[in-house]
N, C-alpha and C. Protein backbone atom coordinates (compact mmCIF):
# COMPACT_ATOMS: atom_id res chain seq x y z
N MET A 1 -12.27 1.91 8.86
CA MET A 1 -11.16 2.02 7.96
C MET A 1 -11.29 3.31 7.16
N LEU A 2 -10.17 3.98 7.02
CA LEU A 2 -10.12 5.21 6.23
C LEU A 2 -9.01 5.07 5.20
N ILE A 3 -9.22 5.62 4.01
CA ILE A 3 -8.22 5.62 2.96
C ILE A 3 -7.95 7.07 2.55
N PHE A 4 -6.68 7.40 2.45
CA PHE A 4 -6.28 8.75 2.06
C PHE A 4 -5.37 8.66 0.85
N PHE A 5 -5.47 9.65 -0.04
CA PHE A 5 -4.62 9.72 -1.22
C PHE A 5 -3.96 11.09 -1.28
N ARG A 6 -2.77 11.12 -1.86
CA ARG A 6 -2.08 12.39 -2.10
C ARG A 6 -1.31 12.26 -3.41
N ARG A 7 -1.43 13.27 -4.23
CA ARG A 7 -0.63 13.33 -5.46
C ARG A 7 0.79 13.74 -5.09
N VAL A 8 1.75 13.00 -5.60
CA VAL A 8 3.16 13.31 -5.35
C VAL A 8 3.50 14.67 -5.95
N SER A 9 2.95 14.96 -7.12
CA SER A 9 3.28 16.20 -7.83
C SER A 9 2.81 17.46 -7.11
N VAL A 10 1.86 17.35 -6.19
CA VAL A 10 1.42 18.54 -5.45
C VAL A 10 2.04 18.62 -4.07
N CYS A 11 2.87 17.66 -3.73
CA CYS A 11 3.58 17.67 -2.44
C CYS A 11 4.99 18.16 -2.71
N ALA A 12 5.23 19.43 -2.45
CA ALA A 12 6.56 20.01 -2.70
C ALA A 12 7.58 19.26 -1.84
N PRO A 13 8.54 18.56 -2.46
CA PRO A 13 9.43 17.69 -1.70
C PRO A 13 10.31 18.40 -0.68
N GLU A 14 10.86 19.55 -1.03
CA GLU A 14 11.77 20.21 -0.08
C GLU A 14 11.06 20.66 1.19
N PRO A 15 9.93 21.40 1.09
CA PRO A 15 9.23 21.78 2.33
C PRO A 15 8.72 20.57 3.10
N ALA A 16 8.20 19.56 2.40
CA ALA A 16 7.70 18.37 3.09
C ALA A 16 8.84 17.64 3.80
N LEU A 17 9.98 17.56 3.16
CA LEU A 17 11.14 16.89 3.76
C LEU A 17 11.54 17.57 5.06
N ARG A 18 11.51 18.91 5.09
CA ARG A 18 11.93 19.66 6.29
C ARG A 18 11.01 19.42 7.49
N THR A 19 9.80 18.91 7.25
CA THR A 19 8.87 18.65 8.36
C THR A 19 9.10 17.29 9.00
N LEU A 20 9.98 16.49 8.42
CA LEU A 20 10.21 15.12 8.90
C LEU A 20 11.39 15.07 9.86
N PRO A 21 11.46 14.06 10.72
CA PRO A 21 12.58 13.94 11.65
C PRO A 21 13.92 13.85 10.91
N PRO A 22 14.99 14.39 11.50
CA PRO A 22 16.30 14.42 10.83
C PRO A 22 16.79 13.05 10.31
N ALA A 23 16.62 11.99 11.09
CA ALA A 23 17.09 10.68 10.65
C ALA A 23 16.33 10.22 9.41
N LEU A 24 15.03 10.51 9.36
CA LEU A 24 14.24 10.14 8.19
C LEU A 24 14.63 11.00 6.99
N GLN A 25 14.92 12.27 7.24
CA GLN A 25 15.38 13.13 6.15
C GLN A 25 16.64 12.56 5.51
N GLU A 26 17.59 12.13 6.34
CA GLU A 26 18.84 11.55 5.81
C GLU A 26 18.56 10.30 5.00
N GLU A 27 17.69 9.43 5.52
CA GLU A 27 17.35 8.20 4.82
C GLU A 27 16.73 8.51 3.46
N LEU A 28 15.82 9.46 3.42
CA LEU A 28 15.14 9.80 2.17
C LEU A 28 16.08 10.48 1.18
N LEU A 29 16.97 11.32 1.67
CA LEU A 29 17.92 11.98 0.78
C LEU A 29 18.91 10.99 0.17
N ALA A 30 19.14 9.88 0.85
CA ALA A 30 20.06 8.87 0.33
C ALA A 30 19.43 8.06 -0.80
N CYS A 31 18.13 8.16 -0.97
CA CYS A 31 17.44 7.45 -2.05
C CYS A 31 17.87 8.09 -3.37
N GLY A 32 18.52 7.33 -4.22
CA GLY A 32 19.15 7.87 -5.41
C GLY A 32 18.22 8.38 -6.49
N HIS A 33 17.13 7.71 -6.75
CA HIS A 33 16.23 8.09 -7.85
C HIS A 33 15.26 9.17 -7.38
N THR A 34 15.26 10.32 -8.05
CA THR A 34 14.46 11.47 -7.63
C THR A 34 12.96 11.14 -7.55
N GLY A 35 12.44 10.44 -8.55
CA GLY A 35 11.01 10.11 -8.54
C GLY A 35 10.64 9.25 -7.35
N HIS A 36 11.46 8.23 -7.08
CA HIS A 36 11.19 7.35 -5.93
C HIS A 36 11.35 8.13 -4.62
N ARG A 37 12.36 8.97 -4.54
CA ARG A 37 12.56 9.77 -3.33
C ARG A 37 11.35 10.66 -3.08
N ASN A 38 10.82 11.32 -4.13
CA ASN A 38 9.67 12.19 -3.96
C ASN A 38 8.42 11.41 -3.55
N GLN A 39 8.27 10.18 -4.07
CA GLN A 39 7.16 9.33 -3.63
C GLN A 39 7.29 9.03 -2.14
N ARG A 40 8.49 8.68 -1.71
CA ARG A 40 8.68 8.33 -0.30
C ARG A 40 8.51 9.54 0.61
N ILE A 41 8.93 10.72 0.15
CA ILE A 41 8.73 11.95 0.94
C ILE A 41 7.22 12.22 1.07
N ALA A 42 6.51 12.13 -0.04
CA ALA A 42 5.05 12.36 0.00
C ALA A 42 4.36 11.35 0.92
N ALA A 43 4.80 10.09 0.88
CA ALA A 43 4.21 9.06 1.74
C ALA A 43 4.49 9.34 3.21
N ALA A 44 5.73 9.71 3.52
CA ALA A 44 6.10 10.00 4.91
C ALA A 44 5.32 11.21 5.44
N ALA A 45 5.17 12.24 4.62
CA ALA A 45 4.42 13.43 5.03
C ALA A 45 2.94 13.09 5.22
N LEU A 46 2.36 12.33 4.28
CA LEU A 46 0.96 11.93 4.41
C LEU A 46 0.76 11.10 5.68
N CYS A 47 1.66 10.19 5.93
CA CYS A 47 1.57 9.33 7.11
C CYS A 47 1.51 10.16 8.39
N ARG A 48 2.42 11.09 8.53
CA ARG A 48 2.45 11.92 9.74
C ARG A 48 1.23 12.84 9.83
N ASP A 49 0.81 13.39 8.69
CA ASP A 49 -0.37 14.26 8.68
C ASP A 49 -1.61 13.48 9.15
N VAL A 50 -1.80 12.30 8.58
CA VAL A 50 -2.99 11.50 8.90
C VAL A 50 -2.95 11.00 10.34
N LEU A 51 -1.82 10.44 10.77
CA LEU A 51 -1.74 9.92 12.14
C LEU A 51 -1.93 11.03 13.16
N ALA A 52 -1.39 12.22 12.89
CA ALA A 52 -1.59 13.34 13.81
C ALA A 52 -3.07 13.73 13.86
N ALA A 53 -3.70 13.82 12.71
CA ALA A 53 -5.12 14.21 12.66
C ALA A 53 -6.01 13.15 13.31
N GLU A 54 -5.74 11.88 13.06
CA GLU A 54 -6.61 10.82 13.57
C GLU A 54 -6.37 10.50 15.04
N SER A 55 -5.14 10.74 15.54
CA SER A 55 -4.84 10.42 16.93
C SER A 55 -4.94 11.63 17.86
N GLY A 56 -4.92 12.82 17.28
CA GLY A 56 -4.92 14.04 18.09
C GLY A 56 -3.55 14.39 18.65
N MET A 57 -2.53 13.65 18.24
CA MET A 57 -1.17 13.92 18.72
C MET A 57 -0.49 14.93 17.81
N ALA A 58 0.52 15.59 18.36
CA ALA A 58 1.32 16.49 17.54
C ALA A 58 2.12 15.67 16.53
N ARG A 59 2.22 16.19 15.33
CA ARG A 59 2.95 15.50 14.26
C ARG A 59 4.38 15.18 14.69
N SER A 60 5.01 16.12 15.38
CA SER A 60 6.41 15.95 15.80
C SER A 60 6.57 14.93 16.92
N ALA A 61 5.48 14.60 17.60
CA ALA A 61 5.56 13.65 18.72
C ALA A 61 5.41 12.20 18.27
N LEU A 62 5.06 11.98 17.01
CA LEU A 62 4.83 10.63 16.52
C LEU A 62 6.13 9.90 16.22
N SER A 63 6.24 8.69 16.70
CA SER A 63 7.37 7.81 16.36
C SER A 63 6.86 6.78 15.37
N ILE A 64 7.48 6.71 14.22
CA ILE A 64 7.10 5.70 13.23
C ILE A 64 8.27 4.72 13.14
N LEU A 65 7.97 3.48 13.50
CA LEU A 65 9.00 2.44 13.52
C LEU A 65 8.63 1.36 12.52
N ARG A 66 9.49 0.37 12.38
CA ARG A 66 9.22 -0.76 11.49
C ARG A 66 9.45 -2.07 12.24
N THR A 67 8.60 -3.04 11.93
CA THR A 67 8.81 -4.38 12.47
C THR A 67 10.04 -4.98 11.79
N PRO A 68 10.57 -6.10 12.30
CA PRO A 68 11.71 -6.74 11.61
C PRO A 68 11.41 -7.07 10.15
N ALA A 69 10.14 -7.32 9.80
CA ALA A 69 9.77 -7.62 8.42
C ALA A 69 9.53 -6.35 7.59
N GLY A 70 9.62 -5.18 8.24
CA GLY A 70 9.50 -3.92 7.51
C GLY A 70 8.16 -3.23 7.56
N LYS A 71 7.19 -3.78 8.30
CA LYS A 71 5.86 -3.14 8.37
C LYS A 71 5.93 -1.93 9.30
N PRO A 72 5.49 -0.76 8.82
CA PRO A 72 5.53 0.43 9.68
C PRO A 72 4.43 0.37 10.75
N PHE A 73 4.76 0.94 11.90
CA PHE A 73 3.77 1.08 12.97
C PHE A 73 4.14 2.28 13.82
N CYS A 74 3.16 2.75 14.58
CA CYS A 74 3.36 3.89 15.46
C CYS A 74 3.00 3.46 16.88
N PRO A 75 3.99 3.27 17.77
CA PRO A 75 3.69 2.80 19.12
C PRO A 75 2.93 3.83 19.97
N ASP A 76 2.82 5.05 19.47
CA ASP A 76 2.16 6.12 20.22
C ASP A 76 0.64 6.11 20.07
N THR A 77 0.12 5.27 19.19
CA THR A 77 -1.32 5.25 18.93
C THR A 77 -1.75 3.80 18.62
N PRO A 78 -2.99 3.44 18.94
CA PRO A 78 -3.45 2.09 18.61
C PRO A 78 -3.80 1.92 17.13
N LEU A 79 -3.74 2.99 16.35
CA LEU A 79 -4.09 2.90 14.94
C LEU A 79 -3.10 2.02 14.18
N ARG A 80 -3.62 1.26 13.25
CA ARG A 80 -2.81 0.46 12.33
C ARG A 80 -2.87 1.15 10.97
N PHE A 81 -1.79 1.06 10.21
CA PHE A 81 -1.80 1.74 8.92
C PHE A 81 -0.90 1.04 7.93
N SER A 82 -1.08 1.40 6.68
CA SER A 82 -0.29 0.86 5.59
C SER A 82 -0.15 1.95 4.53
N LEU A 83 0.97 1.95 3.85
CA LEU A 83 1.26 2.95 2.81
C LEU A 83 1.61 2.26 1.51
N SER A 84 1.32 2.94 0.41
CA SER A 84 1.72 2.46 -0.91
C SER A 84 1.89 3.66 -1.82
N HIS A 85 2.77 3.53 -2.80
CA HIS A 85 2.90 4.59 -3.81
C HIS A 85 3.19 3.97 -5.16
N SER A 86 2.69 4.67 -6.17
CA SER A 86 2.89 4.24 -7.54
C SER A 86 2.69 5.46 -8.43
N GLY A 87 3.58 5.65 -9.37
CA GLY A 87 3.44 6.81 -10.25
C GLY A 87 3.37 8.09 -9.46
N ASP A 88 2.32 8.86 -9.67
CA ASP A 88 2.16 10.16 -9.03
C ASP A 88 1.20 10.13 -7.84
N LEU A 89 0.96 8.95 -7.27
CA LEU A 89 -0.04 8.86 -6.21
C LEU A 89 0.49 8.07 -5.02
N VAL A 90 0.11 8.52 -3.84
CA VAL A 90 0.42 7.84 -2.58
C VAL A 90 -0.91 7.50 -1.93
N ALA A 91 -1.00 6.31 -1.34
CA ALA A 91 -2.21 5.89 -0.62
C ALA A 91 -1.84 5.50 0.79
N MET A 92 -2.75 5.77 1.72
CA MET A 92 -2.58 5.36 3.11
C MET A 92 -3.92 4.83 3.61
N ALA A 93 -3.88 3.63 4.19
CA ALA A 93 -5.06 3.04 4.81
C ALA A 93 -4.85 3.05 6.32
N VAL A 94 -5.87 3.40 7.07
CA VAL A 94 -5.80 3.48 8.53
C VAL A 94 -6.99 2.72 9.11
N SER A 95 -6.72 1.96 10.19
CA SER A 95 -7.78 1.17 10.82
C SER A 95 -7.42 0.91 12.28
N ASP A 96 -8.38 0.37 13.02
CA ASP A 96 -8.09 -0.09 14.37
C ASP A 96 -7.69 -1.57 14.35
N ARG A 97 -7.66 -2.16 13.15
CA ARG A 97 -7.24 -3.56 12.96
C ARG A 97 -6.06 -3.58 11.98
N GLU A 98 -5.39 -4.72 11.90
CA GLU A 98 -4.29 -4.82 10.94
C GLU A 98 -4.82 -4.59 9.54
N ILE A 99 -4.06 -3.84 8.75
CA ILE A 99 -4.53 -3.43 7.43
C ILE A 99 -3.35 -3.36 6.47
N GLY A 100 -3.65 -3.56 5.21
CA GLY A 100 -2.65 -3.42 4.15
C GLY A 100 -3.28 -2.76 2.95
N VAL A 101 -2.52 -1.93 2.26
CA VAL A 101 -3.01 -1.26 1.05
C VAL A 101 -1.95 -1.40 -0.03
N ASP A 102 -2.40 -1.57 -1.26
CA ASP A 102 -1.49 -1.51 -2.39
C ASP A 102 -2.13 -0.71 -3.50
N LEU A 103 -1.30 0.05 -4.17
CA LEU A 103 -1.72 0.96 -5.22
C LEU A 103 -0.86 0.68 -6.43
N GLU A 104 -1.46 0.57 -7.58
CA GLU A 104 -0.71 0.37 -8.82
C GLU A 104 -1.30 1.26 -9.91
N ARG A 105 -0.41 1.97 -10.60
CA ARG A 105 -0.82 2.74 -11.77
C ARG A 105 -1.08 1.75 -12.90
N LEU A 106 -2.19 1.91 -13.59
CA LEU A 106 -2.49 1.04 -14.72
C LEU A 106 -1.45 1.29 -15.82
N ARG A 107 -0.88 0.21 -16.31
CA ARG A 107 0.20 0.31 -17.29
C ARG A 107 0.35 -1.04 -17.98
N PRO A 108 1.06 -1.09 -19.08
CA PRO A 108 1.35 -2.40 -19.68
C PRO A 108 2.20 -3.23 -18.72
N VAL A 109 1.94 -4.51 -18.66
CA VAL A 109 2.71 -5.40 -17.78
C VAL A 109 3.10 -6.64 -18.57
N ARG A 110 4.13 -7.30 -18.09
CA ARG A 110 4.54 -8.58 -18.67
C ARG A 110 3.70 -9.67 -18.03
N LEU A 111 2.81 -10.24 -18.79
CA LEU A 111 1.89 -11.22 -18.24
C LEU A 111 2.56 -12.53 -17.88
N ASP A 112 3.81 -12.76 -18.35
CA ASP A 112 4.50 -14.00 -17.96
C ASP A 112 4.79 -14.02 -16.45
N ALA A 113 4.78 -12.85 -15.81
CA ALA A 113 4.97 -12.79 -14.36
C ALA A 113 3.79 -13.42 -13.62
N ALA A 114 2.64 -13.50 -14.28
CA ALA A 114 1.46 -14.08 -13.64
C ALA A 114 1.71 -15.52 -13.21
N ARG A 115 2.47 -16.27 -14.00
CA ARG A 115 2.74 -17.67 -13.64
C ARG A 115 3.52 -17.78 -12.33
N ARG A 116 4.27 -16.77 -12.00
CA ARG A 116 5.06 -16.78 -10.77
C ARG A 116 4.21 -16.44 -9.54
N ILE A 117 3.19 -15.63 -9.72
CA ILE A 117 2.45 -15.14 -8.54
C ILE A 117 1.05 -15.71 -8.39
N ALA A 118 0.50 -16.27 -9.45
CA ALA A 118 -0.91 -16.66 -9.41
C ALA A 118 -1.09 -18.17 -9.35
N VAL A 119 -2.15 -18.57 -8.67
CA VAL A 119 -2.56 -19.99 -8.66
C VAL A 119 -3.39 -20.23 -9.93
N PRO A 120 -3.64 -21.50 -10.29
CA PRO A 120 -4.34 -21.78 -11.56
C PRO A 120 -5.66 -21.04 -11.75
N ALA A 121 -6.50 -20.96 -10.75
CA ALA A 121 -7.79 -20.25 -10.92
C ALA A 121 -7.55 -18.76 -11.21
N GLU A 122 -6.53 -18.18 -10.58
CA GLU A 122 -6.22 -16.78 -10.84
C GLU A 122 -5.68 -16.60 -12.26
N LEU A 123 -4.87 -17.55 -12.71
CA LEU A 123 -4.35 -17.49 -14.08
C LEU A 123 -5.50 -17.53 -15.08
N ASP A 124 -6.50 -18.38 -14.82
CA ASP A 124 -7.68 -18.42 -15.69
C ASP A 124 -8.38 -17.07 -15.71
N TYR A 125 -8.52 -16.45 -14.54
CA TYR A 125 -9.16 -15.13 -14.45
C TYR A 125 -8.35 -14.08 -15.21
N ILE A 126 -7.03 -14.09 -15.03
CA ILE A 126 -6.17 -13.09 -15.66
C ILE A 126 -6.19 -13.21 -17.18
N GLY A 127 -6.08 -14.44 -17.69
CA GLY A 127 -6.03 -14.61 -19.13
C GLY A 127 -4.92 -13.77 -19.73
N ASP A 128 -5.26 -12.91 -20.67
CA ASP A 128 -4.25 -12.00 -21.25
C ASP A 128 -4.61 -10.53 -20.97
N ASP A 129 -5.27 -10.30 -19.83
CA ASP A 129 -5.75 -8.97 -19.47
C ASP A 129 -4.83 -8.33 -18.42
N PRO A 130 -4.06 -7.30 -18.81
CA PRO A 130 -3.14 -6.65 -17.85
C PRO A 130 -3.85 -6.07 -16.64
N ARG A 131 -5.07 -5.54 -16.82
CA ARG A 131 -5.81 -4.97 -15.67
C ARG A 131 -6.13 -6.06 -14.66
N ARG A 132 -6.53 -7.23 -15.13
CA ARG A 132 -6.83 -8.33 -14.21
C ARG A 132 -5.57 -8.81 -13.50
N PHE A 133 -4.45 -8.83 -14.22
CA PHE A 133 -3.18 -9.17 -13.56
C PHE A 133 -2.90 -8.19 -12.42
N LEU A 134 -3.06 -6.89 -12.69
CA LEU A 134 -2.81 -5.87 -11.66
C LEU A 134 -3.82 -5.98 -10.51
N GLN A 135 -5.04 -6.40 -10.79
CA GLN A 135 -6.01 -6.62 -9.72
C GLN A 135 -5.49 -7.70 -8.76
N ILE A 136 -5.07 -8.83 -9.30
CA ILE A 136 -4.57 -9.93 -8.45
C ILE A 136 -3.31 -9.48 -7.74
N TRP A 137 -2.42 -8.80 -8.45
CA TRP A 137 -1.17 -8.32 -7.83
C TRP A 137 -1.46 -7.39 -6.66
N THR A 138 -2.34 -6.39 -6.84
CA THR A 138 -2.60 -5.44 -5.76
C THR A 138 -3.25 -6.13 -4.56
N LEU A 139 -4.12 -7.11 -4.82
CA LEU A 139 -4.73 -7.84 -3.71
C LEU A 139 -3.67 -8.61 -2.92
N LYS A 140 -2.76 -9.26 -3.61
CA LYS A 140 -1.72 -10.03 -2.92
C LYS A 140 -0.79 -9.11 -2.13
N GLU A 141 -0.39 -8.01 -2.74
CA GLU A 141 0.46 -7.04 -2.03
C GLU A 141 -0.25 -6.52 -0.78
N ALA A 142 -1.52 -6.12 -0.92
CA ALA A 142 -2.27 -5.59 0.22
C ALA A 142 -2.40 -6.65 1.31
N TYR A 143 -2.66 -7.90 0.94
CA TYR A 143 -2.79 -8.97 1.93
C TYR A 143 -1.49 -9.16 2.71
N PHE A 144 -0.38 -9.30 2.00
CA PHE A 144 0.88 -9.56 2.70
C PHE A 144 1.35 -8.35 3.50
N LYS A 145 0.98 -7.14 3.08
CA LYS A 145 1.26 -5.96 3.92
C LYS A 145 0.40 -6.03 5.18
N CYS A 146 -0.84 -6.45 5.03
CA CYS A 146 -1.76 -6.56 6.16
C CYS A 146 -1.21 -7.51 7.23
N ILE A 147 -0.76 -8.68 6.81
CA ILE A 147 -0.27 -9.65 7.80
C ILE A 147 1.17 -9.36 8.22
N GLY A 148 1.80 -8.37 7.57
CA GLY A 148 3.10 -7.89 8.02
C GLY A 148 4.31 -8.65 7.55
N THR A 149 4.17 -9.43 6.49
CA THR A 149 5.33 -10.22 6.04
C THR A 149 5.92 -9.75 4.73
N GLY A 150 5.17 -9.05 3.91
CA GLY A 150 5.62 -8.76 2.56
C GLY A 150 5.55 -10.03 1.73
N LEU A 151 5.70 -9.89 0.43
CA LEU A 151 5.52 -11.03 -0.47
C LEU A 151 6.56 -12.12 -0.26
N MET A 152 7.81 -11.80 -0.34
CA MET A 152 8.92 -12.73 -0.09
C MET A 152 8.74 -14.08 -0.79
N GLY A 153 8.26 -14.09 -2.03
CA GLY A 153 8.10 -15.33 -2.76
C GLY A 153 6.94 -16.19 -2.31
N ARG A 154 6.03 -15.62 -1.54
CA ARG A 154 4.90 -16.38 -0.98
C ARG A 154 3.60 -16.12 -1.71
N GLU A 155 3.68 -15.56 -2.90
CA GLU A 155 2.48 -15.10 -3.61
C GLU A 155 1.44 -16.19 -3.82
N GLN A 156 1.86 -17.44 -3.98
CA GLN A 156 0.91 -18.51 -4.26
C GLN A 156 0.32 -19.14 -3.00
N GLU A 157 0.69 -18.62 -1.83
CA GLU A 157 0.12 -19.13 -0.57
C GLU A 157 -1.28 -18.59 -0.31
N ILE A 158 -1.67 -17.57 -1.04
CA ILE A 158 -2.99 -16.96 -0.86
C ILE A 158 -3.61 -16.82 -2.24
N SER A 159 -4.93 -16.94 -2.31
CA SER A 159 -5.56 -16.77 -3.62
C SER A 159 -6.81 -15.91 -3.49
N PHE A 160 -7.15 -15.31 -4.60
CA PHE A 160 -8.29 -14.40 -4.66
C PHE A 160 -9.15 -14.74 -5.87
N SER A 161 -10.43 -14.47 -5.74
CA SER A 161 -11.30 -14.49 -6.91
C SER A 161 -12.03 -13.16 -6.92
N VAL A 162 -12.22 -12.65 -8.12
CA VAL A 162 -12.87 -11.36 -8.30
C VAL A 162 -14.15 -11.59 -9.08
N GLY A 163 -15.27 -11.18 -8.48
CA GLY A 163 -16.56 -11.35 -9.13
C GLY A 163 -16.78 -10.33 -10.23
N ALA A 164 -17.78 -10.58 -11.06
CA ALA A 164 -18.11 -9.67 -12.16
C ALA A 164 -18.44 -8.27 -11.65
N ASP A 165 -18.94 -8.19 -10.40
CA ASP A 165 -19.29 -6.90 -9.81
C ASP A 165 -18.12 -6.28 -9.04
N GLY A 166 -16.94 -6.92 -9.08
CA GLY A 166 -15.75 -6.40 -8.41
C GLY A 166 -15.59 -6.87 -6.98
N THR A 167 -16.53 -7.68 -6.47
CA THR A 167 -16.36 -8.20 -5.11
C THR A 167 -15.20 -9.17 -5.09
N VAL A 168 -14.56 -9.26 -3.94
CA VAL A 168 -13.35 -10.06 -3.81
C VAL A 168 -13.57 -11.15 -2.77
N ALA A 169 -13.16 -12.37 -3.09
CA ALA A 169 -13.13 -13.47 -2.13
C ALA A 169 -11.66 -13.84 -1.92
N CYS A 170 -11.30 -14.02 -0.65
CA CYS A 170 -9.92 -14.34 -0.28
C CYS A 170 -9.88 -15.73 0.34
N SER A 171 -8.82 -16.49 0.05
CA SER A 171 -8.73 -17.84 0.60
C SER A 171 -8.44 -17.85 2.10
N ASP A 172 -8.05 -16.71 2.67
CA ASP A 172 -7.86 -16.60 4.12
C ASP A 172 -9.15 -16.06 4.73
N PRO A 173 -9.88 -16.89 5.48
CA PRO A 173 -11.17 -16.43 6.03
C PRO A 173 -11.02 -15.32 7.07
N ALA A 174 -9.82 -15.07 7.56
CA ALA A 174 -9.61 -14.01 8.55
C ALA A 174 -9.43 -12.64 7.90
N ALA A 175 -9.35 -12.60 6.57
CA ALA A 175 -9.09 -11.34 5.88
C ALA A 175 -10.30 -10.90 5.06
N VAL A 176 -10.53 -9.60 5.07
CA VAL A 176 -11.54 -8.97 4.22
C VAL A 176 -10.78 -8.09 3.25
N CYS A 177 -10.90 -8.40 1.97
CA CYS A 177 -10.16 -7.65 0.96
C CYS A 177 -11.13 -7.07 -0.06
N ARG A 178 -10.79 -5.92 -0.58
CA ARG A 178 -11.65 -5.27 -1.57
C ARG A 178 -10.84 -4.24 -2.35
N PHE A 179 -11.44 -3.81 -3.45
CA PHE A 179 -10.86 -2.70 -4.19
C PHE A 179 -11.47 -1.42 -3.65
N HIS A 180 -10.66 -0.39 -3.59
CA HIS A 180 -11.14 0.91 -3.11
C HIS A 180 -11.05 1.89 -4.28
N PRO A 181 -12.11 2.64 -4.52
CA PRO A 181 -12.04 3.62 -5.61
C PRO A 181 -10.90 4.60 -5.36
N SER A 182 -10.15 4.87 -6.40
CA SER A 182 -9.07 5.85 -6.27
C SER A 182 -9.15 6.80 -7.45
N TYR A 183 -8.17 6.79 -8.27
CA TYR A 183 -8.12 7.64 -9.44
C TYR A 183 -8.31 6.76 -10.67
N PRO A 184 -8.83 7.31 -11.78
CA PRO A 184 -9.16 6.47 -12.94
C PRO A 184 -8.00 5.65 -13.49
N ASP A 185 -6.80 6.13 -13.36
CA ASP A 185 -5.65 5.44 -13.94
C ASP A 185 -4.89 4.60 -12.90
N TYR A 186 -5.55 4.27 -11.78
CA TYR A 186 -4.93 3.47 -10.72
C TYR A 186 -5.88 2.39 -10.22
N LEU A 187 -5.29 1.35 -9.66
CA LEU A 187 -6.03 0.33 -8.90
C LEU A 187 -5.56 0.41 -7.46
N CYS A 188 -6.49 0.31 -6.54
CA CYS A 188 -6.15 0.33 -5.12
C CYS A 188 -6.87 -0.83 -4.44
N ALA A 189 -6.10 -1.71 -3.78
CA ALA A 189 -6.67 -2.83 -3.04
C ALA A 189 -6.35 -2.67 -1.56
N VAL A 190 -7.31 -3.06 -0.73
CA VAL A 190 -7.15 -2.96 0.73
C VAL A 190 -7.54 -4.29 1.34
N CYS A 191 -6.73 -4.78 2.27
CA CYS A 191 -7.05 -5.98 3.05
C CYS A 191 -6.97 -5.63 4.52
N GLU A 192 -7.95 -6.15 5.27
CA GLU A 192 -8.03 -5.89 6.70
C GLU A 192 -8.35 -7.20 7.40
N LEU A 193 -7.72 -7.44 8.55
CA LEU A 193 -8.06 -8.64 9.32
C LEU A 193 -9.35 -8.40 10.08
N LYS A 194 -10.17 -9.46 10.18
CA LYS A 194 -11.45 -9.36 10.89
C LYS A 194 -11.23 -9.21 12.37
């Protein structure tokens, strides 16, 4: 498994956009919010850069498609990957197995959302700590990206416990989940199927 990061602010959106396929350029230009559009451009550029480097294929030869549930994949290579963006950072996880990554910028959060996504043991862990809420959130996002379904209101179908040393236990024995060091003001969680 490999994890890559790119700052959105250092990825010039116009030149990066021109390196992408025309249909993707149109899709990204239709994104109304400039900040979100720049995140998606940086993610698309990082994705093609990494897949080209890791597969040995030309960047322009890569086809990036989506499953009906929205999980991206590249039929041209056996590599599995996942993308996430938050604030000024984009993350990409790459593996030979199914993988999911989620990235969240540390920020104030509404802790009442915890009741919607967390099981009782997770709620006890979260307490009134926004960082712990974001830990559980990133783990759940990474897990559901890994299995290819997205959250879709299923947040309580999986549970996590986080040890004092940061180790993660997942209720799905087929998944290995952990936090990956990123930038000081971000949390990054990765889940991979065994």
